[in-house]
Amino acid sequence: MIRIKTFGEPLQPFKARRELDELDERVNRFIAENGIKRVISVSDSTTSEEGNTCGLIRVLVYEE
């Protein structure tokens, strides 16, 4: 069965690299803890407020 999981991460000025590393770790931990064998897709999209990027949404599509 194909499943979708989303992860959100707020971004702060000058801290984006650390926040992206933390997001990578959360996604990798989810994959390991749930025994996911096949990842179909991973995509990122930014969120914005008043024209400023303020967050990131990562979508993971995987097969159970």
N, C-alpha and C. Protein backbone atom coordinates (compact mmCIF):
# COMPACT_ATOMS: atom_id res chain seq x y z
N MET A 1 0.84 -1.17 0.00
CA MET A 1 0.00 0.00 0.00
C MET A 1 0.89 1.24 0.00
N ILE A 2 0.55 2.19 -0.83
CA ILE A 2 1.30 3.44 -0.91
C ILE A 2 0.76 4.41 0.12
N ARG A 3 1.67 5.03 0.87
CA ARG A 3 1.30 5.96 1.94
C ARG A 3 2.04 7.28 1.73
N ILE A 4 1.50 8.33 2.35
CA ILE A 4 2.10 9.66 2.30
C ILE A 4 2.25 10.19 3.71
N LYS A 5 3.40 10.78 4.01
CA LYS A 5 3.66 11.39 5.31
C LYS A 5 4.26 12.76 5.06
N THR A 6 3.75 13.77 5.76
CA THR A 6 4.29 15.12 5.62
C THR A 6 5.00 15.53 6.91
N PHE A 7 6.03 16.32 6.75
CA PHE A 7 6.81 16.86 7.86
C PHE A 7 6.91 18.35 7.65
N GLY A 8 6.75 19.13 8.70
CA GLY A 8 6.87 20.58 8.60
C GLY A 8 8.00 21.08 9.46
N GLU A 9 8.61 22.15 9.04
CA GLU A 9 9.73 22.73 9.78
C GLU A 9 9.72 24.23 9.59
N PRO A 10 9.62 25.01 10.68
CA PRO A 10 9.74 26.46 10.53
C PRO A 10 11.20 26.82 10.24
N LEU A 11 11.40 27.86 9.48
CA LEU A 11 12.76 28.31 9.16
C LEU A 11 12.99 29.68 9.76
N GLN A 12 14.13 29.82 10.41
CA GLN A 12 14.50 31.10 11.01
C GLN A 12 15.73 31.64 10.29
N PRO A 13 15.85 32.94 10.15
CA PRO A 13 17.02 33.51 9.47
C PRO A 13 18.33 33.03 10.11
N PHE A 14 19.27 32.67 9.28
CA PHE A 14 20.61 32.26 9.68
C PHE A 14 20.66 30.91 10.40
N LYS A 15 19.54 30.21 10.47
CA LYS A 15 19.52 28.90 11.13
C LYS A 15 18.97 27.81 10.21
N ALA A 16 18.79 28.16 8.95
CA ALA A 16 18.14 27.22 8.02
C ALA A 16 18.93 25.94 7.84
N ARG A 17 20.24 26.01 7.80
CA ARG A 17 21.05 24.80 7.60
C ARG A 17 20.83 23.81 8.74
N ARG A 18 20.84 24.29 9.96
CA ARG A 18 20.62 23.42 11.13
C ARG A 18 19.20 22.84 11.09
N GLU A 19 18.24 23.66 10.73
CA GLU A 19 16.85 23.20 10.67
C GLU A 19 16.66 22.15 9.57
N LEU A 20 17.34 22.32 8.43
CA LEU A 20 17.27 21.33 7.37
C LEU A 20 17.90 20.00 7.82
N ASP A 21 19.01 20.08 8.54
CA ASP A 21 19.64 18.87 9.07
C ASP A 21 18.69 18.16 10.05
N GLU A 22 18.01 18.93 10.89
CA GLU A 22 17.06 18.34 11.84
C GLU A 22 15.88 17.69 11.10
N LEU A 23 15.42 18.33 10.04
CA LEU A 23 14.33 17.77 9.24
C LEU A 23 14.78 16.47 8.58
N ASP A 24 15.99 16.45 8.02
CA ASP A 24 16.53 15.21 7.44
C ASP A 24 16.56 14.10 8.48
N GLU A 25 16.99 14.42 9.69
CA GLU A 25 17.07 13.42 10.76
C GLU A 25 15.68 12.89 11.12
N ARG A 26 14.69 13.78 11.19
CA ARG A 26 13.32 13.33 11.51
C ARG A 26 12.79 12.38 10.45
N VAL A 27 13.02 12.70 9.19
CA VAL A 27 12.54 11.86 8.10
C VAL A 27 13.28 10.52 8.12
N ASN A 28 14.59 10.55 8.27
CA ASN A 28 15.37 9.30 8.32
C ASN A 28 14.96 8.43 9.50
N ARG A 29 14.71 9.04 10.64
CA ARG A 29 14.27 8.29 11.82
C ARG A 29 12.90 7.66 11.57
N PHE A 30 11.99 8.39 10.93
CA PHE A 30 10.68 7.85 10.60
C PHE A 30 10.82 6.63 9.69
N ILE A 31 11.67 6.73 8.68
CA ILE A 31 11.88 5.62 7.75
C ILE A 31 12.44 4.40 8.49
N ALA A 32 13.44 4.61 9.34
CA ALA A 32 14.05 3.49 10.07
C ALA A 32 13.09 2.87 11.08
N GLU A 33 12.39 3.69 11.84
CA GLU A 33 11.50 3.18 12.89
C GLU A 33 10.29 2.44 12.32
N ASN A 34 9.90 2.77 11.10
CA ASN A 34 8.73 2.13 10.50
C ASN A 34 9.09 1.05 9.50
N GLY A 35 10.36 0.72 9.40
CA GLY A 35 10.81 -0.35 8.53
C GLY A 35 10.45 -0.16 7.08
N ILE A 36 10.48 1.07 6.62
CA ILE A 36 10.12 1.37 5.23
C ILE A 36 11.24 0.87 4.32
N LYS A 37 10.87 0.05 3.36
CA LYS A 37 11.84 -0.54 2.45
C LYS A 37 11.92 0.20 1.11
N ARG A 38 10.83 0.86 0.73
CA ARG A 38 10.80 1.51 -0.59
C ARG A 38 10.25 2.93 -0.48
N VAL A 39 11.10 3.89 -0.77
CA VAL A 39 10.69 5.29 -0.83
C VAL A 39 10.44 5.61 -2.30
N ILE A 40 9.26 6.08 -2.59
CA ILE A 40 8.88 6.40 -3.96
C ILE A 40 9.27 7.83 -4.32
N SER A 41 9.06 8.75 -3.39
CA SER A 41 9.32 10.16 -3.69
C SER A 41 9.53 10.95 -2.41
N VAL A 42 10.40 11.94 -2.49
CA VAL A 42 10.58 12.92 -1.42
C VAL A 42 10.61 14.28 -2.11
N SER A 43 9.77 15.21 -1.64
CA SER A 43 9.78 16.54 -2.25
C SER A 43 9.61 17.60 -1.17
N ASP A 44 10.17 18.75 -1.44
CA ASP A 44 10.11 19.87 -0.52
C ASP A 44 9.37 21.03 -1.16
N SER A 45 8.67 21.78 -0.33
CA SER A 45 8.00 22.99 -0.77
C SER A 45 8.10 24.01 0.35
N THR A 46 8.29 25.25 0.01
CA THR A 46 8.39 26.29 1.03
C THR A 46 7.02 26.87 1.33
N THR A 47 6.89 27.39 2.53
CA THR A 47 5.71 28.16 2.90
C THR A 47 6.17 29.61 3.07
N SER A 48 5.27 30.53 2.82
CA SER A 48 5.66 31.94 2.92
C SER A 48 4.58 32.74 3.61
N GLU A 49 5.03 33.85 4.15
CA GLU A 49 4.13 34.80 4.80
C GLU A 49 4.59 36.19 4.40
N GLU A 50 3.70 36.95 3.79
CA GLU A 50 4.02 38.31 3.33
C GLU A 50 5.24 38.32 2.42
N GLY A 51 5.38 37.29 1.59
CA GLY A 51 6.48 37.24 0.63
C GLY A 51 7.78 36.69 1.17
N ASN A 52 7.85 36.37 2.46
CA ASN A 52 9.06 35.84 3.07
C ASN A 52 8.91 34.34 3.31
N THR A 53 9.94 33.58 2.97
CA THR A 53 9.92 32.14 3.24
C THR A 53 10.03 31.94 4.74
N CYS A 54 9.06 31.20 5.30
CA CYS A 54 9.06 31.03 6.76
C CYS A 54 9.01 29.56 7.17
N GLY A 55 8.90 28.64 6.22
CA GLY A 55 8.83 27.25 6.59
C GLY A 55 9.05 26.33 5.41
N LEU A 56 9.14 25.06 5.72
CA LEU A 56 9.37 24.04 4.72
C LEU A 56 8.46 22.86 5.00
N ILE A 57 7.86 22.33 3.95
CA ILE A 57 7.05 21.13 4.07
C ILE A 57 7.72 20.06 3.22
N ARG A 58 8.01 18.92 3.83
CA ARG A 58 8.61 17.79 3.10
C ARG A 58 7.56 16.69 3.02
N VAL A 59 7.34 16.19 1.83
CA VAL A 59 6.37 15.12 1.59
C VAL A 59 7.13 13.85 1.23
N LEU A 60 6.84 12.79 1.96
CA LEU A 60 7.46 11.49 1.74
C LEU A 60 6.38 10.53 1.25
N VAL A 61 6.60 9.94 0.08
CA VAL A 61 5.69 8.94 -0.46
C VAL A 61 6.44 7.61 -0.40
N TYR A 62 5.82 6.63 0.25
CA TYR A 62 6.53 5.35 0.45
C TYR A 62 5.55 4.20 0.34
N GLU A 63 6.11 3.02 0.24
CA GLU A 63 5.30 1.81 0.14
C GLU A 63 5.52 0.97 1.38
N GLU A 64 4.40 0.51 1.96
CA GLU A 64 4.50 -0.35 3.15
C GLU A 64 4.77 -1.77 2.75
